[in-house]
Amino acid sequence: MDFGIFNLMSLRDHPRGAAGVIDDTVQMTLLAEQIGFSTAWFAEHHFSNYAVCPSPLMMAAHLAGRTSRIRLGAAVVVLPLYDPLRLVQEIALLDQMSAGRAVLGLGTGYQPYEFTRFGRNIDRKAELFLEYWSVLEQALTEGRAAFHGAHVEVEETVFALRPVQKPMPPVFTTSVDPRILARLGPRGATVFLGAGWLGSAKLFDLAANAADAWGKAGLGQTPMKLAVQQYIHVTDSRAEALEAAERARYVARMVATLRGKVVRLDGAFLDAPALPDEPGLDVFRDNLLIGDPHHVAERIVAEIRRLDPVHYNCFLQFGDMPAERALRSLERFGAEVLPLVDAALGRAAAA
């Protein structure tokens, strides 16, 4: 099992705006590589301050020139929003530019606001995903593609640019639709789950649901590879822990808003009211992995022992957290948390 870092890249109160968020993400990724993380992941979202990264592949390509070892992944490419012919070339280009360090996360998306503006029907997202995947799978593995479906028509096309990795870069999926798992599972795809602010209990439920969907996909004879993601902030300060919880709450409010059919903005900033029956900040803090190194390590070890993931992804700079705090938390994670995890699980030191 290895560790990754997730970059949502929300904009809230950064004094340098979107440019500052991008710079912070670069610094977090460089430090994660120094610590020994396996993968840096970049999100994709559009048209609001929830995330200022509309293209995880472009962000990964930017970091390809700044890093040398860490793998660079999209978490995730919202596949129904793309032209598959263009996408497959960009994936191949990233893999070439990074000397075979690209990782491909794929999802169906969940925000009606985004789908409407791209002229896509969110109710058809699984159908779109499956047809577009047919094109990607052919192109990445064979260097050619031809497809005639209800949503996309591709005449016989040959690609001069191919990925370094064969048959294709590693695939992760956030979808647990059995139809999608039935197609991606045989390609060795890893199921990627995050519980948001609800923490470990929700993560365990999601993992059980994913295992059930894996079986319904006809993959019961093949072990399901699982990746998990959690909010993490390492601090000895109670006040700082609650401040981190408040930033996690801000992200949760934005997510809830974007799941709805009506989205209100002030410019590009979401009007994100309190959640229904929203708990106090102490509940957000306790649900998430926020606290001193021993507390964070104990929570991680408990989740790893229960879920046996192949990848553990760390969401360390959430809600536009000031970079100095996020970087300090990441430093302490590498210096203090990882050795405790390694000792508990009998792993070789990560750094």
Protein backbone atom coordinates (compact mmCIF):
# COMPACT_ATOMS: atom_id res chain seq x y z
CA MET A 1 0.00 0.00 0.00
CA ASP A 2 1.14 3.54 -0.70
CA PHE A 3 0.09 7.12 0.07
CA GLY A 4 -1.09 9.93 -2.18
CA ILE A 5 -2.00 13.59 -1.88
CA PHE A 6 -5.28 15.00 -3.18
CA ASN A 7 -5.54 18.57 -4.49
CA LEU A 8 -9.09 19.95 -4.82
CA MET A 9 -7.83 23.54 -5.23
CA SER A 10 -10.79 25.43 -3.75
CA LEU A 11 -10.70 29.22 -3.65
CA ARG A 12 -12.11 30.96 -0.59
CA ASP A 13 -9.97 33.66 0.98
CA HIS A 14 -6.53 33.27 -0.56
CA PRO A 15 -4.86 36.71 -0.65
CA ARG A 16 -3.50 36.00 -4.16
CA GLY A 17 -6.65 34.44 -5.56
CA ALA A 18 -6.54 31.55 -8.04
CA ALA A 19 -2.84 32.11 -8.78
CA GLY A 20 -2.08 31.61 -5.10
CA VAL A 21 -4.11 28.39 -4.97
CA ILE A 22 -2.16 27.04 -7.95
CA ASP A 23 1.18 27.97 -6.37
CA ASP A 24 0.16 26.31 -3.09
CA THR A 25 -0.70 23.12 -4.97
CA VAL A 26 2.72 23.08 -6.61
CA GLN A 27 4.42 23.46 -3.23
CA MET A 28 2.30 20.72 -1.64
CA THR A 29 3.09 18.36 -4.50
CA LEU A 30 6.83 19.03 -4.36
CA LEU A 31 6.86 18.40 -0.62
CA ALA A 32 4.78 15.23 -1.02
CA GLU A 33 7.37 13.92 -3.47
CA GLN A 34 10.18 14.69 -1.02
CA ILE A 35 8.35 12.83 1.74
CA GLY A 36 7.90 9.78 -0.47
CA PHE A 37 4.24 9.88 -1.48
CA SER A 38 3.49 7.74 -4.50
CA THR A 39 0.92 9.93 -6.30
CA ALA A 40 -0.32 13.50 -6.53
CA TRP A 41 -3.96 13.75 -7.60
CA PHE A 42 -5.69 16.79 -9.11
CA ALA A 43 -9.45 17.31 -9.19
CA GLU A 44 -11.63 18.56 -12.04
CA HIS A 45 -14.51 20.99 -11.53
CA HIS A 46 -15.93 23.91 -13.44
CA PHE A 47 -17.51 27.35 -13.12
CA SER A 48 -17.25 28.05 -9.38
CA ASN A 49 -14.79 28.59 -6.55
CA TYR A 50 -15.31 24.99 -5.42
CA ALA A 51 -12.23 24.23 -7.50
CA VAL A 52 -10.13 26.40 -9.79
CA CYS A 53 -8.69 23.43 -11.71
CA PRO A 54 -10.85 22.65 -14.77
CA SER A 55 -8.23 20.29 -16.22
CA PRO A 56 -6.42 17.80 -13.98
CA LEU A 57 -4.37 16.63 -16.95
CA MET A 58 -3.04 20.16 -17.53
CA MET A 59 -2.17 20.48 -13.84
CA ALA A 60 -0.46 17.10 -13.91
CA ALA A 61 1.48 18.10 -17.01
CA HIS A 62 2.64 21.27 -15.27
CA LEU A 63 3.92 19.22 -12.32
CA ALA A 64 5.56 16.70 -14.64
CA GLY A 65 8.19 19.33 -15.34
CA ARG A 66 8.67 20.14 -11.66
CA THR A 67 8.92 16.58 -10.28
CA SER A 68 10.88 13.44 -11.08
CA ARG A 69 9.42 10.49 -9.15
CA ILE A 70 5.88 11.07 -7.95
CA ARG A 71 3.07 9.75 -10.15
CA LEU A 72 0.58 12.33 -11.41
CA GLY A 73 -3.11 11.55 -11.55
CA ALA A 74 -6.52 12.96 -12.40
CA ALA A 75 -8.99 12.52 -9.56
CA VAL A 76 -10.95 12.46 -11.61
CA VAL A 77 -11.48 13.12 -15.30
CA VAL A 78 -15.26 13.64 -15.51
CA LEU A 79 -15.50 11.47 -18.60
CA PRO A 80 -19.00 12.42 -19.86
CA LEU A 81 -17.89 16.05 -20.24
CA TYR A 82 -15.13 15.25 -22.76
CA ASP A 83 -14.59 14.59 -26.42
CA PRO A 84 -13.02 11.10 -26.14
CA LEU A 85 -10.76 11.54 -29.16
CA ARG A 86 -9.18 14.66 -27.71
CA LEU A 87 -8.98 13.15 -24.24
CA VAL A 88 -7.10 10.05 -25.29
CA GLN A 89 -4.42 12.16 -26.95
CA GLU A 90 -4.03 14.32 -23.85
CA ILE A 91 -3.65 11.23 -21.66
CA ALA A 92 -0.96 9.89 -23.96
CA LEU A 93 0.79 13.27 -24.01
CA LEU A 94 0.83 13.44 -20.20
CA ASP A 95 2.27 9.94 -19.98
CA GLN A 96 5.00 10.86 -22.48
CA MET A 97 5.78 14.19 -20.78
CA SER A 98 6.02 12.53 -17.36
CA ALA A 99 8.08 9.55 -18.61
CA GLY A 100 5.34 7.07 -17.74
CA ARG A 101 4.11 8.57 -14.47
CA ALA A 102 0.49 9.26 -15.49
CA VAL A 103 -2.38 7.75 -13.49
CA LEU A 104 -5.92 7.91 -14.87
CA GLY A 105 -8.82 8.48 -12.50
CA LEU A 106 -12.24 8.35 -14.16
CA GLY A 107 -15.66 9.33 -12.87
CA THR A 108 -19.17 9.98 -14.11
CA GLY A 109 -19.56 13.35 -12.35
CA TYR A 110 -22.31 14.46 -9.99
CA GLN A 111 -22.91 18.19 -10.49
CA PRO A 112 -25.96 19.14 -12.60
CA TYR A 113 -24.62 22.71 -12.85
CA GLU A 114 -21.56 21.49 -14.79
CA PHE A 115 -23.45 19.08 -17.04
CA THR A 116 -26.01 21.70 -18.07
CA ARG A 117 -23.32 24.14 -19.13
CA PHE A 118 -21.53 21.53 -21.19
CA GLY A 119 -24.78 20.56 -22.86
CA ARG A 120 -24.77 17.06 -21.34
CA ASN A 121 -27.67 15.21 -19.74
CA ILE A 122 -26.61 14.11 -16.26
CA ASP A 123 -29.29 11.41 -16.29
CA ARG A 124 -27.36 9.76 -19.14
CA LYS A 125 -23.95 10.04 -17.51
CA ALA A 126 -23.37 6.28 -17.19
CA GLU A 127 -24.33 5.71 -20.84
CA LEU A 128 -21.99 8.49 -21.95
CA PHE A 129 -19.22 7.11 -19.76
CA LEU A 130 -19.48 3.62 -21.20
CA GLU A 131 -19.42 4.75 -24.82
CA TYR A 132 -16.54 7.15 -24.26
CA TRP A 133 -14.65 4.43 -22.38
CA SER A 134 -15.01 2.16 -25.40
CA VAL A 135 -13.14 4.76 -27.44
CA LEU A 136 -10.46 5.34 -24.78
CA GLU A 137 -9.86 1.64 -24.23
CA GLN A 138 -9.31 0.96 -27.92
CA ALA A 139 -7.15 4.00 -28.49
CA LEU A 140 -4.91 3.58 -25.44
CA THR A 141 -4.33 -0.15 -25.89
CA GLU A 142 -4.34 -0.53 -29.67
CA GLY A 143 -3.38 2.90 -30.98
CA ARG A 144 -6.56 3.05 -33.05
CA ALA A 145 -10.28 3.44 -32.47
CA ALA A 146 -13.59 3.09 -34.27
CA PHE A 147 -16.97 3.24 -32.56
CA HIS A 148 -20.59 3.81 -33.47
CA GLY A 149 -22.91 4.38 -30.53
CA ALA A 150 -25.94 6.35 -29.46
CA HIS A 151 -23.84 9.25 -28.16
CA VAL A 152 -20.57 9.19 -30.08
CA GLU A 153 -19.48 8.31 -33.61
CA VAL A 154 -15.80 7.68 -34.28
CA GLU A 155 -14.58 6.85 -37.74
CA GLU A 156 -11.49 4.66 -37.97
CA THR A 157 -8.76 6.77 -36.36
CA VAL A 158 -5.08 5.99 -35.82
CA PHE A 159 -3.00 7.69 -33.11
CA ALA A 160 0.67 8.54 -33.58
CA LEU A 161 1.02 9.47 -29.91
CA ARG A 162 0.81 6.51 -27.53
CA PRO A 163 1.26 6.23 -23.75
CA VAL A 164 4.58 5.03 -22.39
CA GLN A 165 2.81 2.59 -20.05
CA LYS A 166 1.45 -0.60 -21.58
CA PRO A 167 -1.30 -1.48 -22.11
CA MET A 168 -2.35 1.86 -20.57
CA PRO A 169 -1.74 4.00 -17.46
CA PRO A 170 -3.23 2.59 -14.23
CA VAL A 171 -6.98 3.22 -14.00
CA PHE A 172 -8.95 4.26 -10.91
CA THR A 173 -12.70 4.83 -10.84
CA THR A 174 -15.00 6.62 -8.42
CA SER A 175 -18.06 5.00 -9.98
CA VAL A 176 -19.55 1.88 -8.41
CA ASP A 177 -22.17 1.42 -11.12
CA PRO A 178 -21.95 -2.34 -11.84
CA ARG A 179 -22.11 -1.67 -15.58
CA ILE A 180 -19.02 0.49 -15.36
CA LEU A 181 -17.19 -1.87 -13.00
CA ALA A 182 -17.88 -4.74 -15.40
CA ARG A 183 -15.96 -2.85 -18.08
CA LEU A 184 -13.14 -1.36 -16.01
CA GLY A 185 -12.61 -4.23 -13.58
CA PRO A 186 -11.04 -6.57 -16.15
CA ARG A 187 -8.58 -3.77 -16.96
CA GLY A 188 -7.34 -3.92 -13.37
CA ALA A 189 -9.09 -0.73 -12.27
CA THR A 190 -8.97 0.31 -8.62
CA VAL A 191 -12.15 1.53 -6.94
CA PHE A 192 -11.51 4.98 -5.40
CA LEU A 193 -13.72 6.02 -2.46
CA GLY A 194 -13.92 9.14 -0.31
CA ALA A 195 -16.48 9.75 2.42
CA GLY A 196 -16.18 13.53 2.59
CA TRP A 197 -16.78 15.03 6.02
CA LEU A 198 -18.63 11.95 7.31
CA GLY A 199 -15.36 10.12 7.96
CA SER A 200 -14.57 6.50 8.77
CA ALA A 201 -18.08 5.17 9.42
CA LYS A 202 -19.29 6.40 6.04
CA LEU A 203 -16.14 5.12 4.36
CA PHE A 204 -16.81 1.63 5.71
CA ASP A 205 -20.36 1.75 4.36
CA LEU A 206 -19.14 2.90 0.95
CA ALA A 207 -16.58 0.10 0.83
CA ALA A 208 -19.27 -2.48 1.60
CA ASN A 209 -21.52 -1.03 -1.11
CA ALA A 210 -18.63 -1.08 -3.58
CA ALA A 211 -17.90 -4.73 -2.80
CA ASP A 212 -21.55 -5.55 -3.42
CA ALA A 213 -21.49 -3.69 -6.75
CA TRP A 214 -18.27 -5.51 -7.67
CA GLY A 215 -20.06 -8.80 -7.21
CA LYS A 216 -23.07 -7.63 -9.21
CA ALA A 217 -20.66 -6.72 -12.02
CA GLY A 218 -19.75 -10.40 -12.26
CA LEU A 219 -16.28 -9.85 -10.78
CA GLY A 220 -16.70 -11.93 -7.65
CA GLN A 221 -13.78 -14.19 -8.56
CA THR A 222 -11.44 -11.19 -8.90
CA PRO A 223 -10.32 -9.36 -5.73
CA MET A 224 -11.43 -5.72 -5.71
CA LYS A 225 -8.57 -3.26 -5.36
CA LEU A 226 -9.60 -0.35 -3.15
CA ALA A 227 -8.22 3.17 -2.71
CA VAL A 228 -9.56 5.45 0.03
CA GLN A 229 -9.36 9.15 0.75
CA GLN A 230 -9.64 11.13 3.98
CA TYR A 231 -9.34 14.72 5.17
CA ILE A 232 -6.21 14.97 7.32
CA HIS A 233 -4.74 17.78 9.40
CA VAL A 234 -1.92 17.18 11.88
CA THR A 235 -1.90 19.62 14.78
CA ASP A 236 -1.50 19.68 18.57
CA SER A 237 -3.65 22.81 18.84
CA ARG A 238 -7.34 22.45 19.70
CA ALA A 239 -8.06 25.87 18.19
CA GLU A 240 -6.26 25.00 14.96
CA ALA A 241 -8.10 21.67 14.81
CA LEU A 242 -11.43 23.48 14.97
CA GLU A 243 -10.27 25.95 12.33
CA ALA A 244 -9.43 23.01 10.06
CA ALA A 245 -12.85 21.54 10.80
CA GLU A 246 -14.45 24.83 9.77
CA ARG A 247 -12.69 24.69 6.41
CA ALA A 248 -13.82 21.10 5.94
CA ARG A 249 -17.37 22.25 6.73
CA TYR A 250 -17.07 24.93 4.06
CA VAL A 251 -16.17 22.27 1.47
CA ALA A 252 -19.07 20.09 2.64
CA ARG A 253 -21.49 22.97 2.20
CA MET A 254 -20.23 23.60 -1.33
CA VAL A 255 -20.57 19.92 -2.24
CA ALA A 256 -24.15 19.82 -0.96
CA THR A 257 -25.00 22.94 -2.94
CA LEU A 258 -23.50 21.58 -6.15
CA ARG A 259 -25.42 18.32 -5.84
CA GLY A 260 -28.66 20.26 -6.09
CA LYS A 261 -30.46 21.46 -9.20
CA VAL A 262 -30.44 25.12 -8.14
CA VAL A 263 -27.04 26.78 -7.66
CA ARG A 264 -26.69 30.41 -6.60
CA LEU A 265 -23.46 32.33 -6.97
CA ASP A 266 -22.07 35.74 -6.18
CA GLY A 267 -19.85 36.08 -9.22
CA ALA A 268 -17.94 32.82 -9.25
CA PHE A 269 -18.40 32.21 -5.51
CA LEU A 270 -21.00 29.73 -4.39
CA ASP A 271 -23.75 30.66 -2.00
CA ALA A 272 -23.37 27.60 0.19
CA PRO A 273 -25.74 27.63 3.17
CA ALA A 274 -25.51 25.40 6.21
CA LEU A 275 -26.23 21.72 5.74
CA PRO A 276 -29.61 20.37 6.83
CA ASP A 277 -29.31 19.46 10.53
CA GLU A 278 -25.68 20.58 10.41
CA PRO A 279 -23.70 19.43 13.48
CA GLY A 280 -21.18 21.49 15.41
CA LEU A 281 -17.55 21.85 14.40
CA ASP A 282 -16.51 19.28 16.98
CA VAL A 283 -18.38 16.62 14.99
CA PHE A 284 -16.56 17.59 11.79
CA ARG A 285 -13.25 17.48 13.68
CA ASP A 286 -13.99 14.09 15.23
CA ASN A 287 -15.29 12.54 12.01
CA LEU A 288 -12.16 13.55 10.14
CA LEU A 289 -8.52 12.74 10.82
CA ILE A 290 -7.71 15.99 12.60
CA GLY A 291 -5.47 15.99 15.64
CA ASP A 292 -2.02 15.09 16.93
CA PRO A 293 0.22 12.59 15.14
CA HIS A 294 -0.73 9.65 17.36
CA HIS A 295 -4.44 10.27 16.88
CA VAL A 296 -4.10 10.56 13.10
CA ALA A 297 -1.88 7.47 12.88
CA GLU A 298 -4.28 5.40 14.99
CA ARG A 299 -7.21 6.35 12.74
CA ILE A 300 -5.26 5.52 9.58
CA VAL A 301 -4.09 2.17 10.95
CA ALA A 302 -7.64 1.24 11.97
CA GLU A 303 -8.96 2.02 8.49
CA ILE A 304 -6.14 0.15 6.75
CA ARG A 305 -6.63 -2.93 8.92
CA ARG A 306 -10.35 -2.97 8.22
CA LEU A 307 -10.35 -2.09 4.51
CA ASP A 308 -6.92 -3.30 3.30
CA PRO A 309 -6.62 -0.59 0.60
CA VAL A 310 -3.91 -0.58 -2.03
CA HIS A 311 -3.73 3.23 -1.84
CA TYR A 312 -4.44 5.75 0.92
CA ASN A 313 -5.04 9.29 -0.31
CA CYS A 314 -4.57 12.31 1.95
CA PHE A 315 -6.64 15.49 1.50
CA LEU A 316 -4.43 17.94 3.36
CA GLN A 317 -5.21 21.42 2.04
CA PHE A 318 -8.97 21.77 2.06
CA GLY A 319 -11.17 24.85 2.03
CA ASP A 320 -8.29 27.06 0.85
CA MET A 321 -6.38 26.41 4.07
CA PRO A 322 -3.40 28.78 4.42
CA ALA A 323 -0.39 27.16 2.79
CA GLU A 324 1.88 27.48 5.81
CA ARG A 325 -0.53 25.38 7.89
CA ALA A 326 -1.11 22.80 5.18
CA LEU A 327 2.63 22.46 4.50
CA ARG A 328 3.39 22.14 8.21
CA SER A 329 0.71 19.46 8.52
CA LEU A 330 2.20 17.59 5.55
CA GLU A 331 5.70 17.86 7.01
CA ARG A 332 4.50 16.42 10.32
CA PHE A 333 2.60 13.70 8.49
CA GLY A 334 5.83 12.58 6.86
CA ALA A 335 8.04 12.98 9.91
CA GLU A 336 5.70 11.85 12.70
CA VAL A 337 2.60 10.07 11.38
CA LEU A 338 4.08 7.78 8.72
CA PRO A 339 6.66 6.22 11.09
CA LEU A 340 3.87 5.37 13.54
CA VAL A 341 1.79 3.83 10.75
CA ASP A 342 4.78 1.88 9.49
CA ALA A 343 5.58 0.58 12.96
CA ALA A 344 1.99 -0.48 13.59
CA LEU A 345 1.62 -2.25 10.27
CA GLY A 346 5.14 -3.59 9.98
CA ARG A 347 5.80 -1.61 6.80
CA ALA A 348 9.16 -0.33 5.62
CA ALA A 349 9.55 3.38 6.24
CA ALA A 350 7.99 5.44 3.43
CA ALA A 351 10.56 8.22 3.51
